[in-house]
Protein backbone atom coordinates (compact mmCIF):
# COMPACT_ATOMS: atom_id res chain seq x y z
CA MET A 1 -6.09 -8.37 -12.80
CA ASP A 2 -8.20 -11.42 -11.96
CA ILE A 3 -7.73 -10.74 -8.24
CA GLY A 4 -9.00 -7.19 -8.70
CA LYS A 5 -12.15 -8.51 -10.35
CA ARG A 6 -12.66 -10.99 -7.52
CA LEU A 7 -12.29 -8.21 -4.94
CA TYR A 8 -14.70 -6.03 -6.92
CA GLU A 9 -17.37 -8.69 -6.44
CA LEU A 10 -16.89 -9.20 -2.68
CA PRO A 11 -20.03 -8.22 -0.74
CA GLN A 12 -17.84 -6.98 2.13
CA LEU A 13 -16.30 -4.32 -0.12
CA GLN A 14 -19.55 -2.93 -1.49
CA GLY A 15 -20.27 0.61 -0.36
CA VAL A 16 -16.89 1.19 1.30
CA GLU A 17 -13.80 3.04 0.13
CA TRP A 18 -11.22 0.63 -1.22
CA TYR A 19 -8.50 0.58 -3.88
CA TYR A 20 -7.01 -2.19 -5.95
CA LYS A 21 -3.22 -1.98 -6.21
CA ALA A 22 -1.26 -3.57 -9.02
CA SER A 23 2.39 -2.95 -9.88
CA PHE A 24 3.65 -2.72 -13.45
CA ASP A 25 7.29 -2.74 -12.30
CA LYS A 26 8.71 -4.09 -9.03
CA ALA A 27 11.84 -1.99 -9.28
CA ASN A 28 12.95 -2.59 -5.68
CA ARG A 29 12.96 -6.40 -5.64
CA THR A 30 15.35 -7.92 -3.07
CA SER A 31 16.98 -10.24 -5.60
CA LEU A 32 18.24 -9.40 -9.08
CA LYS A 33 16.50 -12.60 -10.21
CA GLY A 34 13.11 -11.49 -8.87
CA GLU A 35 10.35 -10.93 -11.43
CA ARG A 36 9.95 -7.23 -12.23
CA GLY A 37 6.49 -7.07 -13.79
CA VAL A 38 4.86 -6.48 -17.18
CA GLY A 39 6.25 -2.99 -17.75
CA MET A 40 4.47 0.35 -17.96
CA SER A 41 2.91 -0.05 -21.40
CA ASP A 42 1.27 -3.40 -20.65
CA GLY A 43 0.44 -2.20 -17.14
CA ILE A 44 -1.56 0.71 -18.53
CA LYS A 45 -3.40 -1.68 -20.86
CA ALA A 46 -4.33 -3.79 -17.84
CA PHE A 47 -5.47 -0.71 -15.89
CA THR A 48 -7.66 0.30 -18.84
CA THR A 49 -9.20 -3.16 -19.12
CA ILE A 50 -10.14 -3.50 -15.46
CA LYS A 51 -11.62 0.02 -15.44
CA GLN A 52 -13.84 -1.00 -18.34
CA GLU A 53 -14.85 -4.36 -16.84
CA CYS A 54 -15.31 -3.08 -13.27
CA PRO A 55 -17.06 0.32 -13.41
CA ASN A 56 -16.06 2.78 -10.67
CA ILE A 57 -13.22 0.58 -9.37
CA LYS A 58 -10.44 2.72 -7.90
CA LEU A 59 -6.84 1.87 -8.76
CA THR A 60 -3.47 2.60 -7.24
CA THR A 61 0.06 1.69 -8.24
CA ASP A 62 3.58 2.55 -7.18
CA VAL A 63 5.92 4.80 -9.11
CA HIS A 64 9.70 4.88 -9.22
CA GLU A 65 10.61 7.66 -11.64
CA CYS A 66 9.21 11.13 -12.29
CA TRP A 67 8.68 10.65 -16.03
CA GLN A 68 6.10 7.91 -15.35
CA LEU A 69 3.69 10.17 -13.48
CA SER A 70 2.12 12.17 -16.29
CA GLU A 71 0.82 9.13 -18.19
CA LEU A 72 -0.15 7.20 -15.06
CA SER A 73 -2.35 10.08 -13.90
CA GLU A 74 -4.80 9.26 -16.71
CA TYR A 75 -5.43 5.72 -15.44
CA VAL A 76 -4.71 5.60 -11.70
CA ASP A 77 -6.65 7.25 -8.86
CA VAL A 78 -4.01 7.26 -6.11
CA ILE A 79 -0.24 7.14 -6.63
CA GLN A 80 2.02 5.36 -4.16
CA ILE A 81 5.59 6.35 -3.27
CA PRO A 82 7.61 3.24 -2.26
CA ALA A 83 9.18 3.14 1.20
CA PHE A 84 12.73 3.21 -0.14
CA LEU A 85 11.89 6.41 -2.06
CA CYS A 86 9.95 8.21 0.68
CA ARG A 87 12.52 11.05 0.86
CA GLN A 88 12.89 11.61 -2.89
CA THR A 89 11.82 15.24 -3.19
CA ASP A 90 11.41 15.40 -6.97
CA LEU A 91 9.34 12.22 -7.07
CA ILE A 92 7.03 13.40 -4.27
CA THR A 93 6.50 16.93 -5.57
CA THR A 94 5.91 15.77 -9.15
CA ALA A 95 3.44 13.17 -7.90
CA ALA A 96 1.52 15.91 -6.08
CA GLU A 97 1.39 17.99 -9.27
CA TYR A 98 -0.31 15.18 -11.19
CA PHE A 99 -2.44 13.46 -8.55
CA ASP A 100 -5.11 14.50 -6.06
CA THR A 101 -3.82 11.93 -3.54
CA VAL A 102 -0.23 10.86 -2.87
CA HIS A 103 0.21 7.77 -0.69
CA ILE A 104 3.66 7.44 0.89
CA LYS A 105 4.98 4.20 2.34
CA LYS A 106 6.98 5.12 5.45
CA GLY A 107 10.53 3.85 5.23
CA GLN A 108 11.21 1.37 8.01
CA TRP A 109 14.34 3.27 9.08
CA ILE A 110 12.69 6.68 9.46
CA GLY A 111 10.86 8.02 12.49
CA PRO A 112 7.52 9.86 12.50
CA ASN A 113 9.16 13.19 13.29
CA ASN A 114 11.17 12.99 10.06
CA ILE A 115 8.63 11.50 7.67
CA VAL A 116 6.17 14.33 8.37
CA ILE A 117 8.45 16.56 6.30
CA ALA A 118 7.12 14.78 3.22
CA VAL A 119 3.75 16.45 3.85
CA ASP A 120 5.37 19.85 3.34
CA LYS A 121 6.73 18.69 -0.01
CA ILE A 122 3.28 17.52 -1.11
CA LYS A 123 1.40 20.61 0.04
CA GLU A 124 4.00 23.00 -1.37
CA ALA A 125 3.59 21.42 -4.80
CA ASN A 126 -0.20 21.15 -4.57
CA PRO A 127 -2.03 22.56 -1.51
CA ASP A 128 -5.17 20.61 -2.43
CA CYS A 129 -3.41 17.25 -2.69
CA GLN A 130 -4.30 14.67 -0.04
CA ALA A 131 -1.26 13.29 1.81
CA TRP A 132 -1.61 9.67 2.93
CA ILE A 133 0.95 7.49 4.67
CA SER A 134 1.21 3.77 5.38
CA ASP A 135 3.14 2.51 8.37
CA ARG A 136 4.92 -0.57 7.05
CA GLY A 137 6.86 -1.27 10.24
CA SER A 138 10.03 0.05 11.84
CA ASN A 139 13.47 -1.50 12.09
CA PHE A 140 14.08 -3.50 15.26
CA GLY A 141 17.70 -4.53 14.98
CA TYR A 142 19.14 -5.52 11.63
CA ASP A 143 16.66 -8.08 10.39
CA LYS A 144 13.28 -7.54 12.04
CA LEU A 145 10.37 -5.12 11.73
CA ILE A 146 7.88 -4.19 14.42
CA VAL A 147 4.77 -2.02 14.36
CA ASP A 148 4.97 0.83 16.85
CA PHE A 149 1.33 1.70 17.47
CA ASP A 150 2.46 4.70 19.50
CA ILE A 151 3.23 6.73 16.36
CA VAL A 152 -0.32 6.73 14.95
CA ASP A 153 -1.41 9.92 16.69
CA GLU A 154 1.74 11.80 15.70
CA LEU A 155 1.31 10.84 12.06
CA LYS A 156 -2.37 11.80 12.13
CA GLU A 157 -1.44 15.31 13.24
CA HIS A 158 0.17 15.85 9.83
CA TYR A 159 -1.23 13.40 7.28
CA ASP A 160 -4.77 13.40 5.91
CA LYS A 161 -4.95 9.60 6.23
CA VAL A 162 -2.78 7.11 8.14
CA LEU A 163 -2.89 3.45 7.10
CA LEU A 164 -1.33 0.27 8.46
CA ASP A 165 0.48 -1.99 6.00
CA CYS A 166 -0.51 -5.29 7.57
CA THR A 167 1.56 -7.58 5.38
CA HIS A 168 4.91 -5.93 4.59
CA SER A 169 5.30 -4.93 8.24
CA THR A 170 5.77 -8.61 9.19
CA GLN A 171 8.84 -9.10 6.98
CA ARG A 172 12.08 -10.54 8.34
CA SER A 173 15.45 -10.82 6.61
CA ARG A 174 16.63 -14.35 5.94
CA LYS A 175 20.13 -15.52 6.73
CA VAL A 176 20.36 -16.36 3.05
CA TYR A 177 19.71 -13.31 0.89
CA GLY A 178 15.99 -12.59 0.83
CA VAL A 179 13.00 -12.00 3.10
CA GLN A 180 10.30 -13.98 4.83
CA ALA A 181 7.18 -12.91 6.70
CA ASN A 182 4.53 -13.95 9.22
CA LEU A 183 1.03 -14.49 7.83
CA ALA A 184 -0.56 -15.09 11.25
CA LEU A 185 0.80 -11.75 12.46
CA ALA A 186 -0.40 -10.02 9.28
CA LYS A 187 -3.95 -11.19 10.02
CA ARG A 188 -3.71 -9.87 13.59
CA TYR A 189 -2.53 -6.49 12.33
CA PHE A 190 -5.43 -6.45 9.86
CA LYS A 191 -7.95 -7.00 12.64
CA ALA A 192 -6.20 -4.65 15.09
CA ALA A 193 -5.96 -1.60 12.81
CA PRO A 194 -9.37 -0.13 13.79
CA LEU A 195 -8.59 -0.49 17.49
CA PHE A 196 -5.55 1.77 17.11
CA GLU A 197 -7.55 4.26 15.00
CA TYR A 198 -5.76 3.86 11.71
CA ASP A 199 -7.75 5.38 8.87
CA GLY A 200 -7.27 2.30 6.73
CA VAL A 201 -5.28 -0.81 5.95
CA PHE A 202 -3.00 -1.98 3.18
CA ALA A 203 -2.87 -5.74 2.64
CA GLU A 204 -1.66 -8.13 -0.03
CA THR A 205 -3.96 -10.96 -1.07
CA HIS A 206 -3.79 -13.79 -3.59
CA THR A 207 -5.88 -16.78 -4.63
CA ASN A 208 -2.82 -18.99 -4.12
CA PRO A 209 -0.08 -17.12 -2.23
CA GLN A 210 2.57 -19.76 -2.85
CA ASN A 211 2.18 -19.15 -6.59
CA SER A 212 2.54 -15.37 -6.31
CA VAL A 213 5.66 -13.71 -7.71
CA SER A 214 6.51 -11.91 -4.46
CA ASP A 215 5.80 -11.87 -0.71
CA LYS A 216 4.50 -15.44 -0.65
CA ASP A 217 4.80 -15.70 3.14
CA SER A 218 2.62 -12.72 4.03
CA GLN A 219 -0.10 -12.67 1.36
CA ILE A 220 -3.54 -13.24 2.85
CA PRO A 221 -5.38 -16.01 0.98
CA LEU A 222 -8.26 -14.38 -0.88
CA GLU A 223 -10.73 -16.94 0.48
CA GLU A 224 -9.94 -15.75 4.04
CA LEU A 225 -10.42 -12.06 3.32
CA PRO A 226 -14.24 -11.93 3.71
CA ASN A 227 -14.05 -13.31 7.25
CA LEU A 228 -11.28 -10.88 8.19
CA LEU A 229 -13.31 -7.99 6.80
CA ASP A 230 -16.36 -9.12 8.78
CA ILE A 231 -14.26 -9.14 11.97
CA GLN A 232 -12.91 -5.70 11.14
CA TYR A 233 -16.43 -4.35 10.65
CA ARG A 234 -17.55 -5.75 13.99
CA ILE A 235 -14.64 -4.02 15.72
CA ASN A 236 -15.27 -0.71 14.01
CA ASN A 237 -18.13 -0.14 11.62
CA GLU A 238 -16.69 3.09 10.24
CA ASN A 239 -15.53 3.16 6.63
CA LEU A 240 -11.86 2.31 6.75
CA ILE A 241 -9.87 2.72 3.56
CA ARG A 242 -8.69 -0.61 2.18
CA ILE A 243 -5.91 -1.10 -0.36
């Protein structure tokens, strides 16, 4: 939670809408040997601590099973549906019953005309629930993702907020089992999001990316984030959502 506290103190994030995301369980890791996380019980303790130490901070986390949602709703402001679970009806509808905002990561294999169906699931379960979506890239062949900026308008016709996942959308499959990513491209996506009228951005950051437990190649060094935010503000001074 140290990174969340550091973000909380950034001048560039004062007075704007932003959320700190932390995962208690990385249930969809590429490798069986990948670190999973601290578990739900310790995760909730961490959420409680940072809420106490950073008043008014807004939190989000991802969920993988329906039974987790009831307890998480007491500690988390926005719940995230992982990309690989973006069509799981029970998970989406239950999330909408417990949360005021459900944030779906668009699966990289699914087109905008199909992912909009998830909005119906959310609104049917809770008409007042906000439906957000993050574009985390689309498959381009077997082992590459691209960002198709052409789908933004179509998604915005259905979702309350459309975000760009600047870091995961740069992932590439390795020849050896695993993934790699492109940090330089992630930074360009971060700066470009306002130009293509996304409502917000999702980005991973770390004080020392090479020591992080996942996504080492695409995590934006925390020390570089203030400059990137300044550039983003100069491009578009409106209040983008930042996760």
